[in-house]
N, C-alpha and C. Protein backbone atom coordinates (compact mmCIF):
# COMPACT_ATOMS: atom_id res chain seq x y z
N UNK A 1 0.90 -0.81 -0.06
CA UNK A 1 0.17 -0.01 -0.10
C UNK A 1 0.81 1.02 0.27
N UNK A 2 1.96 1.21 0.87
CA UNK A 2 2.47 2.91 0.86
C UNK A 2 2.95 2.73 -0.28
N UNK A 3 3.92 1.71 -1.11
CA UNK A 3 4.25 1.59 -2.33
C UNK A 3 3.18 2.15 -3.11
N UNK A 4 2.29 1.83 -3.68
CA UNK A 4 1.01 2.98 -4.30
C UNK A 4 1.61 3.92 -3.98
N UNK A 5 1.17 4.35 -2.60
CA UNK A 5 0.78 5.78 -2.32
C UNK A 5 2.14 6.19 -2.48
N UNK A 6 3.31 5.98 -2.72
CA UNK A 6 4.63 6.86 -3.03
C UNK A 6 4.47 6.79 -4.44
N UNK A 7 3.84 6.22 -5.47
CA UNK A 7 4.08 6.49 -6.80
C UNK A 7 2.89 7.49 -7.43
N UNK A 8 2.43 7.60 -6.27
CA UNK A 8 0.69 8.40 -6.76
C UNK A 8 1.39 9.70 -6.72
N UNK A 9 2.08 9.66 -5.37
CA UNK A 9 2.52 11.20 -5.42
C UNK A 9 3.66 11.92 -5.74
N UNK A 10 4.59 10.47 -6.53
CA UNK A 10 5.42 10.97 -7.50
C UNK A 10 4.39 11.02 -9.00
N UNK A 11 3.44 10.40 -9.16
CA UNK A 11 3.04 11.18 -10.68
C UNK A 11 2.80 12.46 -10.71
N UNK A 12 1.46 12.27 -9.54
CA UNK A 12 0.90 14.25 -9.20
C UNK A 12 2.99 15.30 -9.02
N UNK A 13 3.57 15.11 -8.33
CA UNK A 13 4.32 15.70 -8.61
C UNK A 13 5.45 16.14 -9.74
N UNK A 14 5.23 14.94 -11.12
CA UNK A 14 5.90 14.86 -12.34
C UNK A 14 4.83 15.61 -13.22
N UNK A 15 3.30 15.23 -12.87
CA UNK A 15 2.04 16.35 -13.97
C UNK A 15 2.28 17.81 -13.39
N UNK A 16 2.49 18.10 -12.16
CA UNK A 16 2.75 19.44 -11.39
C UNK A 16 3.48 19.83 -12.51
N UNK A 17 5.05 19.35 -12.63
CA UNK A 17 6.02 19.72 -13.15
C UNK A 17 5.62 20.13 -14.89
N UNK A 18 4.98 18.99 -15.04
CA UNK A 18 4.67 19.31 -16.76
C UNK A 18 3.82 20.95 -16.63
N UNK A 19 2.49 21.01 -16.11
CA UNK A 19 1.42 21.42 -15.76
C UNK A 19 2.31 23.45 -16.30
N UNK A 20 3.96 23.33 -15.11
CA UNK A 20 4.83 24.49 -14.77
C UNK A 20 5.65 24.52 -16.08
N UNK A 21 5.93 23.64 -16.68
CA UNK A 21 6.63 23.78 -17.80
C UNK A 21 5.39 24.77 -18.98
N UNK A 22 4.64 24.10 -19.08
CA UNK A 22 3.34 24.34 -20.06
C UNK A 22 3.28 26.37 -20.12
N UNK A 23 3.07 26.35 -18.74
CA UNK A 23 3.00 27.78 -18.17
C UNK A 23 3.72 28.67 -18.75
N UNK A 24 5.25 28.32 -18.02
CA UNK A 24 6.07 28.97 -18.88
C UNK A 24 6.61 28.99 -19.99
N UNK A 25 6.06 28.14 -21.00
CA UNK A 25 6.16 28.13 -22.25
C UNK A 25 5.69 29.33 -23.11
N UNK A 26 4.15 28.78 -23.04
CA UNK A 26 3.22 30.10 -23.20
C UNK A 26 3.34 31.54 -22.72
N UNK A 27 4.04 31.15 -21.14
CA UNK A 27 4.50 32.84 -21.47
C UNK A 27 5.55 33.60 -22.42
N UNK A 28 5.98 32.53 -22.84
CA UNK A 28 7.68 32.87 -23.84
C UNK A 28 6.54 33.37 -25.36
N UNK A 29 5.36 33.09 -25.45
CA UNK A 29 4.68 33.89 -26.39
C UNK A 29 4.55 34.58 -26.75
N UNK A 30 4.30 35.34 -25.90
CA UNK A 30 3.46 36.31 -24.95
C UNK A 30 4.61 37.45 -25.26
N UNK A 31 5.47 37.09 -24.33
CA UNK A 31 6.99 38.32 -25.19
C UNK A 31 7.41 38.18 -26.42
N UNK A 32 7.80 37.28 -26.83
CA UNK A 32 8.10 36.67 -28.42
C UNK A 32 7.16 38.06 -28.99
N UNK A 33 6.09 37.92 -28.90
CA UNK A 33 5.14 38.89 -29.74
C UNK A 33 4.83 40.06 -29.45
N UNK A 34 5.55 40.29 -28.46
CA UNK A 34 5.17 41.93 -27.98
C UNK A 34 6.69 42.30 -28.09
N UNK A 35 7.72 41.48 -28.04
CA UNK A 35 9.55 42.03 -28.65
C UNK A 35 8.97 42.45 -30.32
N UNK A 36 8.38 41.75 -30.74
CA UNK A 36 8.58 41.72 -31.95
C UNK A 36 7.98 42.43 -33.07
N UNK A 37 6.09 43.40 -32.26
CA UNK A 37 5.92 44.12 -32.03
C UNK A 37 6.57 45.83 -32.14
N UNK A 38 7.12 45.39 -31.01
CA UNK A 38 8.44 46.88 -30.28
C UNK A 38 9.46 47.11 -31.64
N UNK A 39 9.94 45.93 -32.07
CA UNK A 39 10.72 46.23 -32.82
C UNK A 39 10.47 46.51 -34.67
N UNK A 40 9.74 45.85 -34.68
CA UNK A 40 8.97 45.67 -36.50
C UNK A 40 8.20 46.82 -36.86
N UNK A 41 7.28 46.87 -35.19
CA UNK A 41 6.17 47.69 -35.42
C UNK A 41 4.66 47.83 -35.82
N UNK A 42 5.26 46.52 -35.91
CA UNK A 42 4.02 45.74 -36.80
C UNK A 42 3.51 44.97 -36.05
N UNK A 43 1.81 44.76 -35.66
CA UNK A 43 1.44 43.23 -34.76
C UNK A 43 1.16 42.77 -34.78
N UNK A 44 1.44 41.28 -34.43
CA UNK A 44 1.31 39.21 -34.86
C UNK A 44 -0.19 39.89 -35.40
N UNK A 45 0.02 38.85 -36.59
CA UNK A 45 -1.42 37.98 -37.34
C UNK A 45 -1.76 36.87 -37.14
N UNK A 46 -2.91 36.82 -36.22
CA UNK A 46 -3.46 35.64 -36.52
C UNK A 46 -4.54 34.78 -37.29
N UNK A 47 -4.58 33.32 -37.95
CA UNK A 47 -5.48 33.37 -39.05
C UNK A 47 -5.69 31.82 -39.08
N UNK A 48 -6.99 31.62 -38.76
CA UNK A 48 -7.46 30.21 -39.12
C UNK A 48 -6.75 29.33 -39.86
N UNK A 49 -6.36 28.06 -40.34
CA UNK A 49 -6.30 28.00 -41.88
C UNK A 49 -6.85 26.65 -41.99
N UNK A 50 -7.08 25.82 -40.92
CA UNK A 50 -7.81 24.66 -40.94
C UNK A 50 -8.79 24.28 -39.58
N UNK A 51 -9.44 23.43 -39.27
CA UNK A 51 -10.10 23.87 -37.93
C UNK A 51 -9.60 23.51 -37.03
N UNK A 52 -8.50 22.98 -36.82
CA UNK A 52 -7.69 23.10 -35.66
C UNK A 52 -6.71 23.77 -35.52
N UNK A 53 -6.60 24.43 -37.00
CA UNK A 53 -4.89 24.86 -36.49
C UNK A 53 -5.02 26.76 -36.84
N UNK A 54 -4.00 27.05 -36.05
CA UNK A 54 -4.14 28.60 -35.96
C UNK A 54 -2.76 29.18 -36.83
N UNK A 55 -3.07 29.93 -37.34
CA UNK A 55 -1.51 30.33 -38.04
C UNK A 55 -0.84 31.34 -37.35
N UNK A 56 0.25 32.29 -36.80
CA UNK A 56 0.81 32.75 -35.94
C UNK A 56 1.76 33.38 -36.66
N UNK A 57 2.13 34.87 -37.48
CA UNK A 57 3.21 35.91 -38.17
C UNK A 57 2.94 36.74 -37.31
N UNK A 58 5.08 36.80 -36.80
CA UNK A 58 4.87 37.75 -36.43
C UNK A 58 6.38 37.95 -37.17
N UNK A 59 6.92 39.40 -37.07
CA UNK A 59 7.89 40.37 -37.92
C UNK A 59 8.67 41.02 -37.03
N UNK A 60 9.84 40.65 -38.26
CA UNK A 60 11.13 41.64 -37.09
C UNK A 60 11.33 42.07 -37.55
N UNK A 61 12.30 43.00 -37.25
CA UNK A 61 12.67 44.24 -36.49
C UNK A 61 12.77 44.97 -38.30
N UNK A 62 12.43 46.05 -37.94
CA UNK A 62 12.52 47.51 -39.31
C UNK A 62 13.55 47.54 -39.69
N UNK A 63 14.69 47.44 -40.51
CA UNK A 63 15.92 48.14 -40.97
C UNK A 63 15.63 49.28 -41.02
N UNK A 64 17.09 49.92 -39.80
CA UNK A 64 16.99 51.21 -39.44
C UNK A 64 18.00 51.55 -40.69
N UNK A 65 18.01 52.95 -41.51
CA UNK A 65 18.19 53.36 -42.87
C UNK A 65 19.02 54.10 -41.78
N UNK A 66 20.81 54.38 -42.29
CA UNK A 66 21.29 55.56 -42.18
C UNK A 66 21.41 56.36 -43.11
N UNK A 67 21.63 57.66 -42.80
CA UNK A 67 21.43 58.56 -43.66
C UNK A 67 22.84 59.99 -42.93
């Protein structure tokens, strides 16, 4: 019985770790989109390309010309 409970606790900890990783990775998208907007001057574009598929376009920094 003790082994079963220990295994269940270990699975719960592993699940919590995966959830934390997913949440951290999700925050990265927000940061990338915001930084892209700052550098390029263009907002990101979201487009549905299929029933379960979403296309996200982000843009590179604008070239600065020296005069």
